[in-house]
C-alpha atoms as a PDB file:
ATOM      1  CA  MET A   1      -6.955  19.381   3.845  1.00  0.00           C
ATOM      2  CA  ARG A   2      -8.624  21.312   1.384  1.00  0.00           C
ATOM      3  CA  ILE A   3      -6.194  22.177  -1.449  1.00  0.00           C
ATOM      4  CA  HIS A   4      -6.655  24.937  -4.222  1.00  0.00           C
ATOM      5  CA  ILE A   5      -4.942  23.988  -7.767  1.00  0.00           C
ATOM      6  CA  GLY A   6      -4.520  26.188 -10.928  1.00  0.00           C
ATOM      7  CA  ALA A   7      -2.411  25.247 -14.009  1.00  0.00           C
ATOM      8  CA  ASP A   8      -1.820  26.555 -17.437  1.00  0.00           C
ATOM      9  CA  HIS A   9      -1.244  24.435 -20.613  1.00  0.00           C
ATOM     10  CA  ALA A  10       2.739  23.603 -19.387  1.00  0.00           C
ATOM     11  CA  GLY A  11       1.370  22.495 -15.908  1.00  0.00           C
ATOM     12  CA  PHE A  12      -1.905  20.595 -17.049  1.00  0.00           C
ATOM     13  CA  GLU A  13      -0.817  16.943 -17.114  1.00  0.00           C
ATOM     14  CA  LEU A  14       1.163  17.325 -13.922  1.00  0.00           C
ATOM     15  CA  LYS A  15      -2.058  19.236 -12.350  1.00  0.00           C
ATOM     16  CA  ALA A  16      -4.217  15.987 -13.460  1.00  0.00           C
ATOM     17  CA  VAL A  17      -1.466  13.651 -11.756  1.00  0.00           C
ATOM     18  CA  LEU A  18      -1.431  15.982  -8.617  1.00  0.00           C
ATOM     19  CA  VAL A  19      -5.179  16.288  -8.335  1.00  0.00           C
ATOM     20  CA  GLU A  20      -5.476  12.655  -8.539  1.00  0.00           C
ATOM     21  CA  HIS A  21      -2.776  11.836  -6.247  1.00  0.00           C
ATOM     22  CA  LEU A  22      -3.922  14.282  -3.495  1.00  0.00           C
ATOM     23  CA  ARG A  23      -7.618  13.051  -3.675  1.00  0.00           C
ATOM     24  CA  ALA A  24      -6.483   9.582  -3.384  1.00  0.00           C
ATOM     25  CA  ALA A  25      -4.621  10.427  -0.238  1.00  0.00           C
ATOM     26  CA  GLY A  26      -7.834  12.295   1.231  1.00  0.00           C
ATOM     27  CA  HIS A  27      -7.372  15.761   0.621  1.00  0.00           C
ATOM     28  CA  ASP A  28     -10.318  17.671  -0.752  1.00  0.00           C
ATOM     29  CA  VAL A  29      -9.114  19.389  -3.974  1.00  0.00           C
ATOM     30  CA  VAL A  30     -10.424  22.339  -5.770  1.00  0.00           C
ATOM     31  CA  ASP A  31      -9.460  22.583  -9.468  1.00  0.00           C
ATOM     32  CA  HIS A  32      -9.288  26.039 -10.673  1.00  0.00           C
ATOM     33  CA  GLY A  33      -8.292  25.262 -14.137  1.00  0.00           C
ATOM     34  CA  ALA A  34      -7.448  24.755 -16.854  1.00  0.00           C
ATOM     35  CA  ALA A  35     -10.159  22.595 -17.588  1.00  0.00           C
ATOM     36  CA  ALA A  36      -8.987  21.511 -20.750  1.00  0.00           C
ATOM     37  CA  TYR A  37      -5.599  21.587 -22.604  1.00  0.00           C
ATOM     38  CA  HIS A  38      -5.013  24.551 -24.707  1.00  0.00           C
ATOM     39  CA  ASP A  39      -1.532  25.053 -25.783  1.00  0.00           C
ATOM     40  CA  GLN A  40      -1.864  29.014 -26.001  1.00  0.00           C
ATOM     41  CA  ASP A  41      -3.844  29.810 -22.624  1.00  0.00           C
ATOM     42  CA  ASP A  42      -2.554  32.465 -20.107  1.00  0.00           C
ATOM     43  CA  TYR A  43      -1.388  31.332 -16.794  1.00  0.00           C
ATOM     44  CA  PRO A  44      -2.612  34.260 -14.747  1.00  0.00           C
ATOM     45  CA  SER A  45      -6.315  33.579 -14.402  1.00  0.00           C
ATOM     46  CA  PHE A  46      -5.638  30.265 -13.056  1.00  0.00           C
ATOM     47  CA  CYS A  47      -3.229  31.337 -10.486  1.00  0.00           C
ATOM     48  CA  PHE A  48      -5.400  34.312  -9.685  1.00  0.00           C
ATOM     49  CA  ALA A  49      -8.556  32.083  -9.010  1.00  0.00           C
ATOM     50  CA  ALA A  50      -6.520  29.541  -6.881  1.00  0.00           C
ATOM     51  CA  GLY A  51      -4.689  32.468  -4.853  1.00  0.00           C
ATOM     52  CA  GLU A  52      -8.255  34.230  -4.161  1.00  0.00           C
ATOM     53  CA  ALA A  53      -9.765  30.682  -2.838  1.00  0.00           C
ATOM     54  CA  VAL A  54      -6.766  30.156  -0.358  1.00  0.00           C
ATOM     55  CA  VAL A  55      -7.005  33.845   0.838  1.00  0.00           C
ATOM     56  CA  ALA A  56     -10.881  33.284   1.406  1.00  0.00           C
ATOM     57  CA  GLU A  57     -10.603  30.062   3.073  1.00  0.00           C
ATOM     58  CA  PRO A  58      -8.043  30.141   5.844  1.00  0.00           C
ATOM     59  CA  GLY A  59      -6.415  27.188   6.506  1.00  0.00           C
ATOM     60  CA  THR A  60      -6.350  25.843   2.942  1.00  0.00           C
ATOM     61  CA  LEU A  61      -3.091  25.879   0.864  1.00  0.00           C
ATOM     62  CA  GLY A  62      -2.741  26.136  -2.848  1.00  0.00           C
ATOM     63  CA  ILE A  63      -0.749  24.818  -5.476  1.00  0.00           C
ATOM     64  CA  VAL A  64      -0.028  26.529  -8.881  1.00  0.00           C
ATOM     65  CA  ILE A  65       1.838  24.914 -11.866  1.00  0.00           C
ATOM     66  CA  GLY A  66       3.295  26.024 -15.221  1.00  0.00           C
ATOM     67  CA  GLY A  67       6.607  25.418 -17.086  1.00  0.00           C
ATOM     68  CA  SER A  68       8.785  27.019 -14.756  1.00  0.00           C
ATOM     69  CA  GLY A  69       6.629  28.158 -11.993  1.00  0.00           C
ATOM     70  CA  ASN A  70       8.438  31.606 -12.127  1.00  0.00           C
ATOM     71  CA  GLY A  71       5.105  33.374 -13.604  1.00  0.00           C
ATOM     72  CA  GLU A  72       2.643  31.210 -11.739  1.00  0.00           C
ATOM     73  CA  GLN A  73       4.517  32.232  -8.554  1.00  0.00           C
ATOM     74  CA  ILE A  74       4.473  35.917  -9.395  1.00  0.00           C
ATOM     75  CA  ALA A  75       0.856  35.950 -10.473  1.00  0.00           C
ATOM     76  CA  ALA A  76      -0.034  34.209  -7.393  1.00  0.00           C
ATOM     77  CA  ASN A  77       1.413  36.775  -5.161  1.00  0.00           C
ATOM     78  CA  LYS A  78      -0.470  39.499  -6.950  1.00  0.00           C
ATOM     79  CA  VAL A  79      -3.301  38.294  -5.008  1.00  0.00           C
ATOM     80  CA  ARG A  80      -3.467  40.294  -1.524  1.00  0.00           C
ATOM     81  CA  GLY A  81      -2.674  37.636   1.474  1.00  0.00           C
ATOM     82  CA  VAL A  82      -0.910  35.183  -0.934  1.00  0.00           C
ATOM     83  CA  ARG A  83       2.742  34.158   0.005  1.00  0.00           C
ATOM     84  CA  SER A  84       3.853  31.989  -2.980  1.00  0.00           C
ATOM     85  CA  ALA A  85       7.129  30.391  -3.134  1.00  0.00           C
ATOM     86  CA  LEU A  86       8.663  28.906  -6.011  1.00  0.00           C
ATOM     87  CA  ALA A  87       9.683  25.009  -4.928  1.00  0.00           C
ATOM     88  CA  TRP A  88      12.301  23.307  -6.974  1.00  0.00           C
ATOM     89  CA  SER A  89      13.362  20.941  -4.284  1.00  0.00           C
ATOM     90  CA  VAL A  90      12.134  19.263  -0.832  1.00  0.00           C
ATOM     91  CA  GLU A  91      14.185  21.565   1.062  1.00  0.00           C
ATOM     92  CA  THR A  92      12.538  24.729  -0.637  1.00  0.00           C
ATOM     93  CA  ALA A  93       9.086  23.699  -0.203  1.00  0.00           C
ATOM     94  CA  ARG A  94       9.980  22.785   3.689  1.00  0.00           C
ATOM     95  CA  LEU A  95      11.405  26.276   4.242  1.00  0.00           C
ATOM     96  CA  ALA A  96       8.763  28.008   2.635  1.00  0.00           C
ATOM     97  CA  ARG A  97       6.235  26.642   5.140  1.00  0.00           C
ATOM     98  CA  GLN A  98       8.503  26.575   8.073  1.00  0.00           C
ATOM     99  CA  HIS A  99      10.146  30.289   7.871  1.00  0.00           C
ATOM    100  CA  ASN A 100       7.418  32.072   5.573  1.00  0.00           C
ATOM    101  CA  ASP A 101       4.172  30.307   6.401  1.00  0.00           C
ATOM    102  CA  SER A 102       3.844  30.166   2.407  1.00  0.00           C
ATOM    103  CA  ASN A 103       0.032  29.377   1.512  1.00  0.00           C
ATOM    104  CA  VAL A 104       0.902  28.825  -2.231  1.00  0.00           C
ATOM    105  CA  VAL A 105       3.550  26.577  -3.793  1.00  0.00           C
ATOM    106  CA  ALA A 106       4.538  27.057  -7.550  1.00  0.00           C
ATOM    107  CA  VAL A 107       6.213  24.056  -9.043  1.00  0.00           C
ATOM    108  CA  GLY A 108       7.623  24.019 -12.592  1.00  0.00           C
ATOM    109  CA  ALA A 109       6.165  20.904 -14.553  1.00  0.00           C
ATOM    110  CA  ARG A 110       9.037  21.197 -17.120  1.00  0.00           C
ATOM    111  CA  LEU A 111      11.804  21.232 -14.706  1.00  0.00           C
ATOM    112  CA  ARG A 112      10.697  18.249 -12.229  1.00  0.00           C
ATOM    113  CA  SER A 113       9.754  14.915 -12.670  1.00  0.00           C
ATOM    114  CA  VAL A 114       6.445  13.485 -11.598  1.00  0.00           C
ATOM    115  CA  ASP A 115       7.770  11.923  -8.801  1.00  0.00           C
ATOM    116  CA  GLU A 116       9.900  14.820  -7.732  1.00  0.00           C
ATOM    117  CA  ALA A 117       6.911  17.156  -8.062  1.00  0.00           C
ATOM    118  CA  ILE A 118       4.817  14.795  -5.907  1.00  0.00           C
ATOM    119  CA  GLU A 119       7.630  14.926  -3.339  1.00  0.00           C
ATOM    120  CA  ILE A 120       7.902  18.717  -3.353  1.00  0.00           C
ATOM    121  CA  VAL A 121       4.180  19.177  -3.129  1.00  0.00           C
ATOM    122  CA  GLU A 122       3.633  16.373  -0.100  1.00  0.00           C
ATOM    123  CA  THR A 123       6.544  18.047   1.697  1.00  0.00           C
ATOM    124  CA  PHE A 124       4.811  21.562   1.347  1.00  0.00           C
ATOM    125  CA  LEU A 125       1.412  20.197   2.488  1.00  0.00           C
ATOM    126  CA  ALA A 126       2.779  18.322   5.393  1.00  0.00           C
ATOM    127  CA  GLU A 127       5.265  21.170   6.834  1.00  0.00           C
ATOM    128  CA  PRO A 128       3.905  23.459   9.471  1.00  0.00           C
ATOM    129  CA  PHE A 129       4.884  27.013  10.230  1.00  0.00           C
ATOM    130  CA  SER A 130       7.411  26.997  12.832  1.00  0.00           C
ATOM    131  CA  GLY A 131       6.004  29.757  14.541  1.00  0.00           C
ATOM    132  CA  ASP A 132       9.328  31.467  15.476  1.00  0.00           C
ATOM    133  CA  ALA A 133       9.038  34.904  16.509  1.00  0.00           C
ATOM    134  CA  ARG A 134      11.598  35.937  14.093  1.00  0.00           C
ATOM    135  CA  HIS A 135       9.890  34.387  10.943  1.00  0.00           C
ATOM    136  CA  GLN A 136       6.339  35.854  12.439  1.00  0.00           C
ATOM    137  CA  ARG A 137       7.898  39.115  12.774  1.00  0.00           C
ATOM    138  CA  ARG A 138       9.097  39.303   9.159  1.00  0.00           C
ATOM    139  CA  ILE A 139       5.731  37.959   7.649  1.00  0.00           C
ATOM    140  CA  ASP A 140       4.044  40.826   9.922  1.00  0.00           C
ATOM    141  CA  GLN A 141       6.100  43.395   7.806  1.00  0.00           C
ATOM    142  CA  LEU A 142       5.346  41.990   4.565  1.00  0.00           C
ATOM    143  CA  ALA A 143       1.666  42.226   5.496  1.00  0.00           C
ATOM    144  CA  ALA A 144       1.806  45.488   6.638  1.00  0.00           C
ATOM    145  CA  TYR A 145       3.554  46.562   3.589  1.00  0.00           C
ATOM    146  CA  GLU A 146       0.989  45.018   1.516  1.00  0.00           C
ATOM    147  CA  ALA A 147      -1.917  46.479   3.240  1.00  0.00           C
ATOM    148  CA  ALA A 148      -0.451  49.872   3.378  1.00  0.00           C
ATOM    149  CA  ARG A 149      -0.287  49.768  -0.670  1.00  0.00           C
END
């Protein structure tokens, strides 16, 4: 699977671990930055780039990482067509895919251990959308609202 990933300084080290881990698992990982650690960089550009790539390439998924994941989720969700969910547990990652067909997951590097973050990301990537009509109806409502504005 192709995965688009982006992180600021707070997520930089976790991003490096995830890129290596995911590539070793056979995924095609596209790194949208940061390319180097800068303690004053800003997360929006990395999240916009990862989100835009996911939308431009249907069937791919994205990961955005920061200190808490909150700002990264907000930034990714500014990209039309992105449905980013902040996952702080395996269960929230699973539900983001099952119920919301989320295409980007946000992870807080300062709030999870590396092992926890890997498990969250693996769960997100492995879980399919349920296809349940009630969930699809809600996703369609979100998409219609987004398209109209």
